[in-house]
Amino acid sequence: MQNAALADLGLDATWAYEAIEISPEDFGSRLRDLPGLGFAGVNVTVPHKEAALAVADSASEAATAIGAANTLIFADGRIQAENTDGPGLLDAVADSSTAPTAGSRALVLGAGGAARAVVWSLAGAGAEVSIWNRTAAKAEALAARFGAVATDAPAAGDFDVIVNASAAGLGGGDGLADLPLEAADFRPGQTVVDMVYGQNPSTLLEAAHSAGATTIDGLEILVRQGARSLKIWTGREPSLEVMRAAACG
């Protein structure tokens, strides 16, 4: 996806994106070696996002508030931490919805690292955020952190935006069956996002689509956060169409 974008921008002669596997034990030392090898930055995935923030010399407001970084920038001998997960979600929601995020009613399912990014972004954009989690205490703690509210029995029809940031559906299972939502409660005018992605729509998105809601899958969120990261590193605006085609291919 990133290499396709670099080629489309005409940067592939001097830029390349590659995967590097690093153990948690070696993360800090390996990371500080990368600038000397020509790296301009890295994307960081689980389980390293919190460690990425800890090793950075400075951090953006988003990375600091979320407590994790998915993007690192190497410049002037320093490491800067950024988090594009939440902003990428907002980009996708804004482009798919006719209503502004500010003032909308949003439900976030989950209370882990992905949910923190979602809640911070939606609340910061002016949404009224409710959080459900299988462990109620975690939902309450996350809600208190970001000025949201915890709920133990959400009704899907009450919300304008619904985001599954939990592990429900991970591995191709019936995600909807693991969530406190009824398929019959989805409605037109909603935007329903499933951060979990695979080759086929999740049962959550299938039910929402059948009810007339706008749906966004995790692959689109991956594209959006990746596009923001690439722009940070190169200063160039990548083609979302090119990135989508590569991600789906």
Protein backbone atom coordinates (compact mmCIF):
# COMPACT_ATOMS: atom_id res chain seq x y z
CA MET A 1 0.00 0.00 0.00
CA GLN A 2 2.68 2.49 0.99
CA ASN A 3 5.04 1.45 -1.79
CA ALA A 4 2.23 1.83 -4.33
CA ALA A 5 1.65 5.36 -3.07
CA LEU A 6 5.38 6.16 -3.23
CA ALA A 7 5.53 4.92 -6.82
CA ASP A 8 2.48 6.97 -7.75
CA LEU A 9 4.16 10.06 -6.28
CA GLY A 10 7.34 9.35 -8.25
CA LEU A 11 9.32 8.79 -5.07
CA ASP A 12 10.05 5.08 -5.44
CA ALA A 13 13.58 5.68 -6.71
CA THR A 14 14.62 7.13 -3.36
CA TRP A 15 11.95 5.91 -0.92
CA ALA A 16 10.82 2.39 0.05
CA TYR A 17 8.58 0.90 2.72
CA GLU A 18 9.47 -2.44 4.28
CA ALA A 19 8.45 -4.64 7.18
CA ILE A 20 10.79 -5.14 10.12
CA GLU A 21 10.13 -7.65 12.88
CA ILE A 22 11.42 -6.52 16.26
CA SER A 23 10.96 -8.30 19.58
CA PRO A 24 9.71 -6.29 22.56
CA GLU A 25 13.06 -6.84 24.27
CA ASP A 26 15.02 -5.32 21.38
CA PHE A 27 12.55 -2.61 20.43
CA GLY A 28 14.27 0.43 21.92
CA SER A 29 17.81 -0.40 20.80
CA ARG A 30 16.80 -1.49 17.29
CA LEU A 31 14.65 1.59 16.83
CA ARG A 32 17.50 3.97 17.59
CA ASP A 33 19.66 2.20 14.99
CA LEU A 34 17.20 2.81 12.14
CA PRO A 35 17.96 6.49 11.39
CA GLY A 36 21.58 5.57 10.71
CA LEU A 37 20.36 3.00 8.19
CA GLY A 38 18.50 5.64 6.20
CA PHE A 39 15.03 5.35 7.70
CA ALA A 40 12.92 8.51 7.84
CA GLY A 41 10.41 6.93 10.19
CA VAL A 42 8.33 3.88 10.95
CA ASN A 43 4.79 2.72 11.45
CA VAL A 44 4.41 0.74 14.66
CA THR A 45 1.83 -1.94 15.30
CA VAL A 46 0.89 -4.05 18.31
CA PRO A 47 2.45 -4.86 20.69
CA HIS A 48 4.84 -1.91 20.32
CA LYS A 49 2.62 1.19 20.26
CA GLU A 50 3.02 2.11 23.92
CA ALA A 51 6.75 1.35 23.81
CA ALA A 52 7.05 3.60 20.75
CA LEU A 53 5.66 6.52 22.72
CA ALA A 54 7.98 5.79 25.64
CA VAL A 55 11.14 5.73 23.51
CA ALA A 56 10.31 8.96 21.64
CA ASP A 57 12.02 12.25 22.49
CA SER A 58 8.84 14.24 21.82
CA ALA A 59 5.21 13.45 21.08
CA SER A 60 2.20 15.06 19.45
CA GLU A 61 -0.94 15.93 21.37
CA ALA A 62 -2.69 12.91 19.86
CA ALA A 63 0.03 10.41 20.81
CA THR A 64 0.30 11.83 24.32
CA ALA A 65 -3.45 11.82 24.97
CA ILE A 66 -3.99 8.35 23.51
CA GLY A 67 -0.96 6.96 25.30
CA ALA A 68 0.42 5.23 22.22
CA ALA A 69 2.14 5.97 18.92
CA ASN A 70 1.65 4.24 15.59
CA THR A 71 3.97 6.58 13.66
CA LEU A 72 7.51 7.68 14.47
CA ILE A 73 9.51 10.37 12.66
CA PHE A 74 13.33 10.45 12.69
CA ALA A 75 14.79 13.95 12.26
CA ASP A 76 17.77 15.88 13.60
CA GLY A 77 18.86 12.98 15.78
CA ARG A 78 15.52 12.83 17.57
CA ILE A 79 12.46 10.59 17.50
CA GLN A 80 9.03 12.21 17.35
CA ALA A 81 5.89 10.21 18.13
CA GLU A 82 2.58 10.64 16.34
CA ASN A 83 -0.72 8.75 16.32
CA THR A 84 -2.66 8.73 13.05
CA ASP A 85 -5.15 6.01 14.01
CA GLY A 86 -7.82 8.32 15.43
CA PRO A 87 -7.38 11.12 12.88
CA GLY A 88 -7.54 8.52 10.10
CA LEU A 89 -10.87 7.32 11.48
CA LEU A 90 -12.20 10.89 11.51
CA ASP A 91 -11.13 11.34 7.89
CA ALA A 92 -13.10 8.27 6.85
CA VAL A 93 -16.19 9.18 8.87
CA ALA A 94 -16.19 12.77 7.62
CA ASP A 95 -16.00 11.65 3.98
CA SER A 96 -18.80 9.10 4.33
CA SER A 97 -21.30 11.04 6.42
CA THR A 98 -23.49 13.96 5.39
CA ALA A 99 -23.76 15.13 9.00
CA PRO A 100 -20.88 16.74 10.92
CA THR A 101 -19.18 14.76 13.66
CA ALA A 102 -19.65 17.66 16.08
CA GLY A 103 -22.87 17.16 17.98
CA SER A 104 -23.32 13.58 16.79
CA ARG A 105 -24.02 10.70 19.15
CA ALA A 106 -21.26 8.11 18.94
CA LEU A 107 -20.94 4.63 20.40
CA VAL A 108 -17.50 3.03 20.77
CA LEU A 109 -17.35 -0.70 21.42
CA GLY A 110 -14.20 -1.72 23.29
CA ALA A 111 -11.85 -0.09 25.78
CA GLY A 112 -8.36 -1.10 24.63
CA GLY A 113 -5.69 0.80 22.73
CA ALA A 114 -7.69 1.10 19.51
CA ALA A 115 -10.70 2.34 21.45
CA ARG A 116 -8.61 5.00 23.20
CA ALA A 117 -7.65 6.48 19.82
CA VAL A 118 -11.27 6.40 18.63
CA VAL A 119 -12.73 7.92 21.78
CA TRP A 120 -10.13 10.70 21.95
CA SER A 121 -10.68 11.62 18.31
CA LEU A 122 -14.47 11.54 18.36
CA ALA A 123 -14.70 13.45 21.65
CA GLY A 124 -12.18 16.00 20.39
CA ALA A 125 -14.28 16.49 17.26
CA GLY A 126 -17.31 17.36 19.39
CA ALA A 127 -19.20 14.07 19.41
CA GLU A 128 -21.14 12.87 22.46
CA VAL A 129 -19.37 9.55 23.08
CA SER A 130 -20.69 6.48 24.87
CA ILE A 131 -18.48 3.46 25.54
CA TRP A 132 -19.41 -0.18 25.95
CA ASN A 133 -16.96 -2.88 26.96
CA ARG A 134 -17.41 -6.45 28.10
CA THR A 135 -15.61 -5.44 31.30
CA ALA A 136 -17.67 -2.49 32.51
CA ALA A 137 -14.93 -1.09 34.76
CA LYS A 138 -12.65 -0.58 31.74
CA ALA A 139 -15.38 1.32 29.90
CA GLU A 140 -15.94 3.51 32.94
CA ALA A 141 -12.22 4.26 33.28
CA LEU A 142 -11.89 5.19 29.60
CA ALA A 143 -15.01 7.33 29.75
CA ALA A 144 -13.69 9.23 32.76
CA ARG A 145 -10.38 9.83 30.97
CA PHE A 146 -11.91 11.49 27.92
CA GLY A 147 -15.18 12.99 29.15
CA ALA A 148 -17.38 10.26 27.69
CA VAL A 149 -20.01 8.08 29.37
CA ALA A 150 -20.07 4.32 29.90
CA THR A 151 -23.09 2.26 28.94
CA ASP A 152 -23.94 -1.36 29.64
CA ALA A 153 -26.96 -1.68 27.32
CA PRO A 154 -26.57 0.46 24.19
CA ALA A 155 -29.33 0.53 21.57
CA ALA A 156 -27.85 0.81 18.08
CA GLY A 157 -30.63 3.06 16.83
CA ASP A 158 -29.76 5.77 19.35
CA PHE A 159 -26.42 6.58 17.72
CA ASP A 160 -25.28 8.42 14.61
CA VAL A 161 -21.82 6.82 14.58
CA ILE A 162 -20.96 3.34 15.85
CA VAL A 163 -17.36 2.09 15.93
CA ASN A 164 -16.34 -1.45 16.80
CA ALA A 165 -12.86 -1.08 18.31
CA SER A 166 -13.09 -4.37 20.20
CA ALA A 167 -11.78 -7.80 19.26
CA ALA A 168 -15.28 -8.97 18.30
CA GLY A 169 -15.05 -10.53 14.86
CA LEU A 170 -11.28 -10.86 14.92
CA GLY A 171 -10.32 -14.05 13.12
CA GLY A 172 -13.46 -14.08 11.00
CA GLY A 173 -15.97 -14.99 13.71
CA ASP A 174 -19.49 -13.63 14.11
CA GLY A 175 -18.57 -10.25 15.57
CA LEU A 176 -22.14 -9.05 15.86
CA ALA A 177 -23.00 -12.01 18.09
CA ASP A 178 -20.34 -10.86 20.56
CA LEU A 179 -21.63 -7.29 20.72
CA PRO A 180 -24.66 -5.89 22.62
CA LEU A 181 -26.38 -4.78 19.40
CA GLU A 182 -29.41 -6.03 17.52
CA ALA A 183 -29.35 -6.15 13.72
CA ALA A 184 -32.91 -4.81 13.59
CA ASP A 185 -31.88 -1.59 15.38
CA PHE A 186 -29.54 -0.26 12.69
CA ARG A 187 -31.01 2.45 10.47
CA PRO A 188 -30.37 4.73 7.51
CA GLY A 189 -28.37 7.86 8.34
CA GLN A 190 -25.93 6.03 10.58
CA THR A 191 -22.24 5.46 9.95
CA VAL A 192 -21.02 2.10 11.25
CA VAL A 193 -17.29 1.35 11.39
CA ASP A 194 -15.61 -1.98 12.08
CA MET A 195 -11.91 -1.58 12.85
CA VAL A 196 -11.46 -5.33 12.29
CA TYR A 197 -10.77 -6.07 8.64
CA GLY A 198 -10.69 -9.10 6.40
CA GLN A 199 -11.49 -10.06 2.83
CA ASN A 200 -15.24 -10.14 3.45
CA PRO A 201 -17.54 -7.67 5.27
CA SER A 202 -18.03 -8.53 8.93
CA THR A 203 -21.42 -9.62 10.20
CA LEU A 204 -21.66 -6.24 11.95
CA LEU A 205 -21.20 -4.35 8.69
CA GLU A 206 -23.47 -6.72 6.78
CA ALA A 207 -26.31 -6.06 9.23
CA ALA A 208 -25.74 -2.30 9.20
CA HIS A 209 -25.57 -2.19 5.39
CA SER A 210 -28.79 -4.22 5.08
CA ALA A 211 -30.51 -1.63 7.27
CA GLY A 212 -29.38 1.25 5.06
CA ALA A 213 -26.51 2.52 7.20
CA THR A 214 -23.23 3.72 5.71
CA THR A 215 -20.45 1.24 6.52
CA ILE A 216 -16.66 1.60 6.75
CA ASP A 217 -14.36 -1.38 7.15
CA GLY A 218 -11.03 -1.64 8.89
CA LEU A 219 -9.15 -1.69 5.60
CA GLU A 220 -10.34 1.84 4.87
CA ILE A 221 -9.16 2.97 8.31
CA LEU A 222 -5.79 1.34 7.58
CA VAL A 223 -5.57 3.29 4.32
CA ARG A 224 -6.49 6.57 5.99
CA GLN A 225 -4.00 6.30 8.85
CA GLY A 226 -1.33 5.11 6.43
CA ALA A 227 -1.93 8.07 4.14
CA ARG A 228 -1.48 10.47 7.05
CA SER A 229 1.78 8.76 8.02
CA LEU A 230 3.14 8.92 4.50
CA LYS A 231 2.34 12.61 4.23
CA ILE A 232 4.15 13.27 7.52
CA TRP A 233 7.31 11.56 6.24
CA THR A 234 7.37 12.85 2.67
CA GLY A 235 5.41 16.09 2.83
CA ARG A 236 3.38 14.84 -0.16
CA GLU A 237 -0.34 13.98 -0.34
CA PRO A 238 -0.71 10.33 -1.43
CA SER A 239 -3.55 9.01 -3.59
CA LEU A 240 -6.17 7.24 -1.48
CA GLU A 241 -7.41 5.43 -4.58
CA VAL A 242 -3.95 4.01 -5.28
CA MET A 243 -3.53 2.95 -1.65
CA ARG A 244 -6.98 1.31 -1.53
CA ALA A 245 -6.32 -0.65 -4.70
CA ALA A 246 -2.99 -1.90 -3.35
CA ALA A 247 -4.43 -2.76 0.06
CA CYS A 248 -7.30 -4.71 -1.48
CA GLY A 249 -5.07 -6.44 -4.02
